[in-house]
N, C-alpha and C. Protein backbone atom coordinates (compact mmCIF):
# COMPACT_ATOMS: atom_id res chain seq x y z
N MET A 1 135.76 133.60 93.04
CA MET A 1 136.57 134.09 91.95
C MET A 1 136.52 135.51 91.80
N ASP A 2 136.07 136.30 92.81
CA ASP A 2 136.06 137.78 92.82
C ASP A 2 137.51 138.23 92.76
N SER A 3 137.52 139.47 92.37
CA SER A 3 138.82 140.29 92.15
C SER A 3 139.44 140.52 93.62
N VAL A 4 140.70 140.93 93.70
CA VAL A 4 141.31 141.36 94.80
C VAL A 4 140.65 142.75 95.30
N GLU A 5 140.39 143.56 94.39
CA GLU A 5 139.64 144.83 94.77
C GLU A 5 138.38 144.63 95.35
N SER A 6 137.58 143.57 94.70
CA SER A 6 136.26 143.39 95.31
C SER A 6 136.42 142.83 96.75
N HIS A 7 137.39 142.01 97.11
CA HIS A 7 137.62 141.64 98.41
C HIS A 7 138.00 142.71 99.31
N ARG A 8 138.91 143.75 98.84
CA ARG A 8 139.28 144.83 99.66
C ARG A 8 138.21 145.63 100.05
N GLU A 9 137.24 145.79 99.08
CA GLU A 9 136.04 146.69 99.40
C GLU A 9 135.21 146.08 100.49
N PHE A 10 135.01 144.56 100.38
CA PHE A 10 134.20 143.89 101.29
C PHE A 10 134.90 144.05 102.72
N ILE A 11 136.29 143.86 102.80
CA ILE A 11 136.95 143.94 104.00
C ILE A 11 136.80 145.38 104.72
N SER A 12 136.89 146.40 103.83
CA SER A 12 136.84 147.78 104.35
C SER A 12 135.39 148.06 104.66
N LYS A 13 134.32 147.71 104.01
CA LYS A 13 132.92 147.94 104.24
C LYS A 13 132.59 147.35 105.65
N HIS A 14 133.15 146.19 105.92
CA HIS A 14 132.70 145.50 107.09
C HIS A 14 133.67 145.52 108.20
N SER A 15 134.58 146.47 108.02
CA SER A 15 135.71 146.63 109.14
C SER A 15 136.27 145.25 109.53
N LEU A 16 136.76 144.42 108.48
CA LEU A 16 137.46 143.09 108.87
C LEU A 16 138.79 143.05 108.71
N ASP A 17 139.49 144.08 109.26
CA ASP A 17 140.92 144.15 109.10
C ASP A 17 141.43 143.07 109.96
N GLY A 18 142.57 142.47 109.35
CA GLY A 18 143.23 141.30 109.93
C GLY A 18 142.72 139.91 109.45
N ILE A 19 141.85 139.97 108.48
CA ILE A 19 141.41 138.67 107.81
C ILE A 19 141.91 138.62 106.44
N THR A 20 141.97 137.57 105.82
CA THR A 20 142.36 137.32 104.44
C THR A 20 141.29 136.73 103.60
N LEU A 21 140.90 137.28 102.52
CA LEU A 21 140.04 136.62 101.57
C LEU A 21 140.70 136.29 100.36
N LEU A 22 140.55 135.08 99.82
CA LEU A 22 141.15 134.55 98.66
C LEU A 22 140.51 134.97 97.38
N SER A 23 141.36 135.53 96.55
CA SER A 23 140.98 135.94 95.20
C SER A 23 141.49 134.91 94.27
N ASP A 24 140.51 134.12 93.60
CA ASP A 24 140.73 133.04 92.75
C ASP A 24 140.25 133.25 91.36
N THR A 25 140.79 134.27 90.62
CA THR A 25 140.27 134.73 89.43
C THR A 25 140.31 133.76 88.35
N ASP A 26 141.28 132.74 88.37
CA ASP A 26 141.38 131.68 87.46
C ASP A 26 140.62 130.45 87.69
N GLY A 27 139.93 130.35 88.95
CA GLY A 27 139.07 129.30 89.28
C GLY A 27 139.97 128.10 89.76
N SER A 28 141.18 128.11 89.92
CA SER A 28 141.95 126.84 90.22
C SER A 28 141.62 126.40 91.61
N VAL A 29 141.56 127.13 92.57
CA VAL A 29 141.23 126.71 93.88
C VAL A 29 139.62 126.44 93.87
N ALA A 30 138.76 127.04 93.27
CA ALA A 30 137.39 126.52 93.24
C ALA A 30 137.30 125.16 92.77
N LYS A 31 138.01 124.82 91.70
CA LYS A 31 138.09 123.39 91.25
C LYS A 31 138.57 122.52 92.32
N LEU A 32 139.59 122.84 93.06
CA LEU A 32 140.10 121.95 94.01
C LEU A 32 138.96 121.68 95.10
N TYR A 33 138.26 122.68 95.45
CA TYR A 33 137.17 122.57 96.51
C TYR A 33 135.81 122.25 95.92
N ASP A 34 135.71 121.77 94.77
CA ASP A 34 134.51 121.29 94.03
C ASP A 34 133.52 122.23 94.19
N ALA A 35 133.99 123.58 93.90
CA ALA A 35 133.16 124.63 93.86
C ALA A 35 132.81 125.35 92.40
N TYR A 36 133.64 124.78 91.52
CA TYR A 36 133.60 125.32 90.08
C TYR A 36 132.46 124.66 89.36
N HIS A 37 131.63 125.53 88.70
CA HIS A 37 130.50 125.02 88.08
C HIS A 37 130.95 124.85 86.49
N ARG A 38 131.14 123.69 86.04
CA ARG A 38 131.72 123.51 84.73
C ARG A 38 130.87 124.10 83.56
N LEU A 39 129.47 123.87 83.84
CA LEU A 39 128.53 124.20 82.67
C LEU A 39 128.63 125.79 82.52
N PHE A 40 128.73 126.55 83.63
CA PHE A 40 128.63 128.08 83.35
C PHE A 40 130.02 128.71 83.43
N GLY A 41 131.08 127.84 83.93
CA GLY A 41 132.42 128.41 83.90
C GLY A 41 132.66 129.44 85.08
N VAL A 42 131.90 129.30 86.16
CA VAL A 42 132.01 130.13 87.27
C VAL A 42 132.13 129.36 88.58
N ALA A 43 132.56 130.01 89.68
CA ALA A 43 132.57 129.33 91.01
C ALA A 43 131.04 129.34 91.52
N GLY A 44 130.57 128.23 92.08
CA GLY A 44 129.26 128.14 92.70
C GLY A 44 129.52 128.95 93.99
N ARG A 45 128.43 129.23 94.79
CA ARG A 45 128.52 129.90 96.02
C ARG A 45 128.82 128.86 97.05
N VAL A 46 130.07 128.73 97.35
CA VAL A 46 130.64 127.86 98.47
C VAL A 46 131.39 128.71 99.34
N TYR A 47 131.06 128.54 100.56
CA TYR A 47 131.64 129.53 101.65
C TYR A 47 132.46 128.59 102.54
N PHE A 48 133.65 129.16 102.80
CA PHE A 48 134.61 128.33 103.77
C PHE A 48 135.17 129.39 104.63
N LEU A 49 135.28 129.17 105.90
CA LEU A 49 136.21 129.82 106.80
C LEU A 49 137.34 128.89 107.16
N ILE A 50 138.53 129.39 107.08
CA ILE A 50 139.73 128.61 107.30
C ILE A 50 140.46 129.29 108.52
N ASP A 51 140.78 128.60 109.49
CA ASP A 51 141.52 129.19 110.63
C ASP A 51 142.98 129.30 110.44
N SER A 52 143.70 129.90 111.26
CA SER A 52 145.21 130.10 111.19
C SER A 52 145.98 128.88 111.02
N ASP A 53 145.40 127.66 111.44
CA ASP A 53 145.96 126.32 111.38
C ASP A 53 145.76 125.75 110.10
N ARG A 54 145.02 126.55 109.13
CA ARG A 54 144.60 126.01 107.84
C ARG A 54 143.44 124.94 107.92
N ARG A 55 142.59 124.94 109.07
CA ARG A 55 141.57 123.99 109.18
C ARG A 55 140.23 124.65 108.66
N ILE A 56 139.52 123.96 108.01
CA ILE A 56 138.08 124.51 107.70
C ILE A 56 137.27 124.49 108.92
N ILE A 57 136.87 125.60 109.30
CA ILE A 57 136.01 125.64 110.50
C ILE A 57 134.52 125.92 110.24
N TYR A 58 134.24 126.22 109.04
CA TYR A 58 132.85 126.52 108.56
C TYR A 58 132.84 126.21 107.01
N GLN A 59 131.78 125.68 106.68
CA GLN A 59 131.59 125.34 105.11
C GLN A 59 130.21 125.29 104.82
N LYS A 60 129.80 125.85 103.85
CA LYS A 60 128.38 125.88 103.28
C LYS A 60 128.39 125.89 101.82
N LYS A 61 127.88 124.90 101.16
CA LYS A 61 127.79 124.84 99.65
C LYS A 61 126.35 125.27 99.32
N GLN A 62 126.31 126.31 98.44
CA GLN A 62 125.00 126.75 97.82
C GLN A 62 125.04 126.52 96.32
N ARG A 63 126.17 126.10 95.81
CA ARG A 63 126.32 126.01 94.31
C ARG A 63 126.09 127.32 93.69
N ILE A 64 125.13 127.70 92.85
CA ILE A 64 124.99 129.06 92.04
C ILE A 64 124.34 130.13 92.91
N PHE A 65 123.31 129.83 93.59
CA PHE A 65 122.62 130.64 94.36
C PHE A 65 123.21 131.07 95.67
N PRO A 66 123.35 132.41 95.92
CA PRO A 66 123.99 132.72 97.28
C PRO A 66 123.12 132.41 98.49
N LEU A 67 123.73 132.31 99.68
CA LEU A 67 123.05 132.25 100.90
C LEU A 67 122.06 133.37 100.92
N LYS A 68 120.87 133.04 101.63
CA LYS A 68 119.94 134.24 102.00
C LYS A 68 120.81 135.02 103.00
N ASP A 69 120.79 136.29 102.91
CA ASP A 69 121.31 137.13 103.74
C ASP A 69 122.87 136.78 103.94
N GLN A 70 123.58 136.47 102.80
CA GLN A 70 124.83 135.92 102.85
C GLN A 70 125.91 136.89 103.62
N THR A 71 125.83 138.12 103.55
CA THR A 71 126.79 138.80 104.33
C THR A 71 126.48 138.69 105.90
N GLU A 72 125.34 138.86 106.36
CA GLU A 72 125.01 138.57 107.75
C GLU A 72 125.27 137.27 108.21
N THR A 73 124.96 136.22 107.37
CA THR A 73 125.33 134.84 107.72
C THR A 73 126.86 134.63 107.94
N LEU A 74 127.52 135.21 107.06
CA LEU A 74 129.04 134.88 106.98
C LEU A 74 129.67 135.73 108.21
N MET A 75 129.09 136.99 108.45
CA MET A 75 129.63 137.88 109.54
C MET A 75 129.38 137.10 110.83
N LYS A 76 128.30 136.56 110.87
CA LYS A 76 127.85 135.78 112.16
C LYS A 76 128.82 134.63 112.36
N GLN A 77 129.13 133.92 111.38
CA GLN A 77 130.13 132.87 111.50
C GLN A 77 131.55 133.20 111.71
N ILE A 78 131.86 134.37 111.21
CA ILE A 78 133.28 134.93 111.44
C ILE A 78 133.24 135.34 112.97
N ASP A 79 132.21 136.06 113.46
CA ASP A 79 132.25 136.29 114.89
C ASP A 79 132.19 135.18 115.72
N GLU A 80 131.50 134.17 115.45
CA GLU A 80 131.56 132.94 116.26
C GLU A 80 132.78 132.17 116.36
N HIS A 81 133.57 132.13 115.18
CA HIS A 81 134.75 131.31 115.12
C HIS A 81 136.23 132.19 115.21
N ILE A 82 136.06 133.36 114.86
CA ILE A 82 137.24 134.14 115.02
C ILE A 82 137.30 134.93 116.27
N GLN A 83 138.25 134.91 117.10
CA GLN A 83 138.41 135.56 118.26
C GLN A 83 139.35 136.73 118.19
């Protein structure tokens, strides 16, 4: 549910030109993927990588707490799955 600007900064910081990150500020997509935490009104930490054929190629649900070393973990998954 991060903002478009937050995603732009992440893409720039990690030189990820050519990928798209979803900004779901109203939580509608988080609800569809069972990532919305109803009690706190926020999205849990659920990570998906979706390929150009719209297939989920990586998924990790953490709920509220982020992955340990989340950026490094996601970058590794991106490197392994995106050519």
